[in-house]
Amino acid sequence: MCSSDLQSPGSGTISPCDPFVVTAQAGIPNGVTGSGGPATGLRAWIGYSEQNTHPSEWTYWVEAPYDGPSGAYDAFTIDLGPELTTGTWYYASRFKLGENAYVYGGYNGTTNGGPWNTTANLSGVVTVGEPATPALTGSSTVCEQSEGNLYATDPGKTTYTWSLSSGGTITSGEG
C-alpha cells in the first residue's frame, strides 16, 4: 500500500449519540484504488481510544465500509458517534491489504494526512459532552386528586422518560 490517511474531520465536539462521520482513504499505485470499486482484499477500520497513543495499541476498531473512489484513492466512511461515550476520544484509520501488516493513517490539517506518526499525521480528537438537561415547565407542587396539571419540555425532543409518584397518570403524550 502506498498511502493511508485519516481524511476528515481532524476534530469535533458532539453530544452523546450525535453523528460524527469520519472518512479515511487508502491509495495503491497503478490504478488499483480509485477505479470505481474497492481494491480487492483492501479493508479499512476507524479506531478510537481515550489514550493518545499509537493506534496499534488501541482496542476499539469499527470496520468502515467502502464509500467510493476519491481521485486515485479508495474512501471509507463511518459514523463513529454512536460508538462514543462522554469524554475525549482519539481516532485514526487502519488498513489491511490481503495478508499484509496493518497500516495506520493520521490527520494533517495542511495536507490530506498520511501514514500515522507522532509529528505530522496525528490522531483526530473528538469531545463528547454531557447531554443537555431539558427545561421543564409546570407547577413544582401538585395536590392529591388534582386534575389538569400540564407539563411540557423542549419541543422536538423525543427521548424523555417521565416518572410519576404513586397514583399519578399521564393522560397524553408518552411516559
Protein backbone atom coordinates (compact mmCIF):
# COMPACT_ATOMS: atom_id res chain seq x y z
CA MET A 1 0.00 0.00 0.00
CA CYS A 2 1.40 3.36 -0.99
CA SER A 3 -0.68 5.77 1.10
CA SER A 4 -3.11 5.78 4.01
CA ASP A 5 -4.73 8.67 5.82
CA LEU A 6 -7.44 9.96 8.11
CA GLN A 7 -9.12 12.32 5.68
CA SER A 8 -11.61 14.13 7.90
CA PRO A 9 -12.54 15.55 10.29
CA GLY A 10 -9.47 16.45 12.34
CA SER A 11 -11.51 17.25 15.43
CA GLY A 12 -15.00 17.88 16.71
CA THR A 13 -17.37 18.29 19.64
CA ILE A 14 -20.64 16.36 19.86
CA SER A 15 -23.29 15.32 22.34
CA PRO A 16 -23.81 11.62 23.12
CA CYS A 17 -25.31 9.68 20.18
CA ASP A 18 -24.84 12.60 17.76
CA PRO A 19 -23.46 11.69 14.34
CA PHE A 20 -19.70 12.02 13.88
CA VAL A 21 -18.84 10.95 10.35
CA VAL A 22 -15.20 10.01 9.77
CA THR A 23 -13.60 9.39 6.36
CA ALA A 24 -10.28 7.69 5.63
CA GLN A 25 -8.52 6.92 2.35
CA ALA A 26 -6.03 4.40 1.05
CA GLY A 27 -4.06 4.54 -2.15
CA ILE A 28 -2.37 1.75 -4.10
CA PRO A 29 -0.45 2.69 -7.28
CA ASN A 30 -1.19 1.74 -10.88
CA GLY A 31 -4.96 2.30 -10.70
CA VAL A 32 -5.60 -0.39 -8.10
CA THR A 33 -7.54 2.15 -5.99
CA GLY A 34 -9.76 4.97 -7.22
CA SER A 35 -11.14 2.90 -10.07
CA GLY A 36 -14.81 2.72 -9.12
CA GLY A 37 -14.81 -0.19 -6.68
CA PRO A 38 -12.84 -1.17 -3.61
CA ALA A 39 -9.41 -2.67 -4.25
CA THR A 40 -9.55 -6.45 -3.94
CA GLY A 41 -8.58 -7.52 -0.41
CA LEU A 42 -8.45 -3.96 0.99
CA ARG A 43 -10.19 -3.47 4.34
CA ALA A 44 -10.48 -0.33 6.48
CA TRP A 45 -11.30 0.44 10.11
CA ILE A 46 -11.67 3.53 12.25
CA GLY A 47 -10.29 3.02 15.74
CA TYR A 48 -10.75 5.07 18.87
CA SER A 49 -9.18 5.32 22.30
CA GLU A 50 -9.23 7.52 25.38
CA GLN A 51 -5.41 7.44 25.27
CA ASN A 52 -3.41 9.49 22.78
CA THR A 53 -1.07 6.63 21.90
CA HIS A 54 -0.05 4.84 18.70
CA PRO A 55 -3.20 3.35 17.17
CA SER A 56 -1.62 -0.11 17.14
CA GLU A 57 -2.14 -0.11 20.92
CA TRP A 58 -5.89 0.55 20.72
CA THR A 59 -8.65 -1.94 21.44
CA TYR A 60 -11.71 -0.44 19.74
CA TRP A 61 -11.95 -0.74 15.94
CA VAL A 62 -15.05 -0.45 13.75
CA GLU A 63 -14.85 -1.69 10.16
CA ALA A 64 -15.61 1.13 7.74
CA PRO A 65 -17.50 0.35 4.53
CA TYR A 66 -16.25 1.43 1.13
CA ASP A 67 -17.66 4.86 0.25
CA GLY A 68 -16.40 5.24 -3.30
CA PRO A 69 -13.37 6.44 -5.23
CA SER A 70 -11.71 9.72 -4.29
CA GLY A 71 -9.24 10.61 -7.00
CA ALA A 72 -6.63 7.86 -7.03
CA TYR A 73 -7.77 6.62 -3.62
CA ASP A 74 -10.48 4.40 -2.15
CA ALA A 75 -12.52 6.21 0.51
CA PHE A 76 -14.09 4.55 3.54
CA THR A 77 -16.62 6.32 5.77
CA ILE A 78 -18.32 5.51 9.06
CA ASP A 79 -20.47 7.29 11.65
CA LEU A 80 -18.38 6.93 14.80
CA GLY A 81 -20.75 8.98 17.01
CA PRO A 82 -22.92 6.10 18.30
CA GLU A 83 -19.78 4.24 19.46
CA LEU A 84 -18.56 7.04 21.75
CA THR A 85 -19.47 7.82 25.36
CA THR A 86 -18.88 11.07 27.25
CA GLY A 87 -15.22 12.12 27.30
CA THR A 88 -12.32 12.90 24.99
CA TRP A 89 -11.54 10.34 22.29
CA TYR A 90 -8.68 9.97 19.81
CA TYR A 91 -9.36 8.28 16.47
CA ALA A 92 -7.33 7.12 13.47
CA SER A 93 -7.66 4.84 10.45
CA ARG A 94 -6.29 1.35 9.92
CA PHE A 95 -5.99 -0.52 6.63
CA LYS A 96 -5.06 -4.05 5.66
CA LEU A 97 -4.43 -5.34 2.16
CA GLY A 98 -4.74 -9.12 1.98
CA GLU A 99 -2.36 -10.74 4.46
CA ASN A 100 -0.07 -7.69 4.73
CA ALA A 101 0.51 -5.87 8.02
CA TYR A 102 -1.84 -3.16 9.22
CA VAL A 103 -1.10 0.39 8.05
CA TYR A 104 -2.36 3.30 10.16
CA GLY A 105 -3.48 6.71 8.88
CA GLY A 106 -3.42 10.09 10.60
CA TYR A 107 -4.83 13.56 10.03
CA ASN A 108 -2.83 16.60 8.97
CA GLY A 109 -4.56 19.99 8.78
CA THR A 110 -2.36 21.30 5.96
CA THR A 111 -2.22 18.22 3.73
CA ASN A 112 -4.62 15.34 3.24
CA GLY A 113 -2.97 13.38 6.03
CA GLY A 114 -0.84 10.30 5.58
CA PRO A 115 0.66 7.38 7.47
CA TRP A 116 0.18 7.94 11.21
CA ASN A 117 3.19 9.37 13.05
CA THR A 118 3.87 11.45 16.15
CA THR A 119 4.77 14.70 14.38
CA ALA A 120 2.63 15.49 11.32
CA ASN A 121 -0.10 12.90 10.71
CA LEU A 122 -1.81 12.59 14.05
CA SER A 123 -4.95 11.10 15.55
CA GLY A 124 -8.14 13.11 15.33
CA VAL A 125 -9.74 14.28 18.59
CA VAL A 126 -13.44 14.40 19.43
CA THR A 127 -15.01 15.56 22.67
CA VAL A 128 -18.35 14.04 23.62
CA GLY A 129 -20.09 16.36 26.08
CA GLU A 130 -22.72 15.65 28.69
CA PRO A 131 -26.26 15.63 27.32
CA ALA A 132 -28.11 18.90 27.80
CA THR A 133 -30.66 18.96 30.61
CA PRO A 134 -34.03 19.88 29.15
CA ALA A 135 -36.16 22.68 30.52
CA LEU A 136 -39.39 21.58 32.21
CA THR A 137 -42.36 23.92 32.64
CA GLY A 138 -45.22 23.31 35.04
CA SER A 139 -46.00 23.58 38.73
CA SER A 140 -43.41 22.20 41.15
CA THR A 141 -46.12 21.11 43.61
CA VAL A 142 -49.32 19.22 42.81
CA CYS A 143 -52.10 18.40 45.26
CA GLU A 144 -53.53 14.90 45.53
CA GLN A 145 -56.55 14.24 43.32
CA SER A 146 -55.92 17.44 41.32
CA GLU A 147 -56.51 17.32 37.58
CA GLY A 148 -55.37 19.28 34.57
CA ASN A 149 -51.76 19.74 35.66
CA LEU A 150 -49.82 20.40 32.47
CA TYR A 151 -46.08 19.97 31.99
CA ALA A 152 -44.05 20.50 28.89
CA THR A 153 -40.44 20.33 27.80
CA ASP A 154 -38.27 21.35 24.86
CA PRO A 155 -40.08 20.96 21.51
CA GLY A 156 -38.71 18.46 19.03
CA LYS A 157 -37.09 16.19 21.63
CA THR A 158 -38.06 12.54 21.55
CA THR A 159 -36.21 10.59 24.24
CA TYR A 160 -37.57 11.73 27.59
CA THR A 161 -38.62 9.44 30.41
CA TRP A 162 -41.30 10.85 32.67
CA SER A 163 -41.76 9.46 36.17
CA LEU A 164 -44.74 9.97 38.46
CA SER A 165 -45.33 9.42 42.13
CA SER A 166 -47.77 6.73 43.22
CA GLY A 167 -51.24 7.27 41.81
CA GLY A 168 -50.23 9.69 39.05
CA THR A 169 -51.46 9.22 35.49
CA ILE A 170 -50.20 10.57 32.19
CA THR A 171 -53.22 11.44 30.06
CA SER A 172 -51.45 12.43 26.83
CA GLY A 173 -48.01 12.05 25.34
CA GLU A 174 -45.79 9.20 26.43
CA GLY A 175 -44.36 8.21 29.80
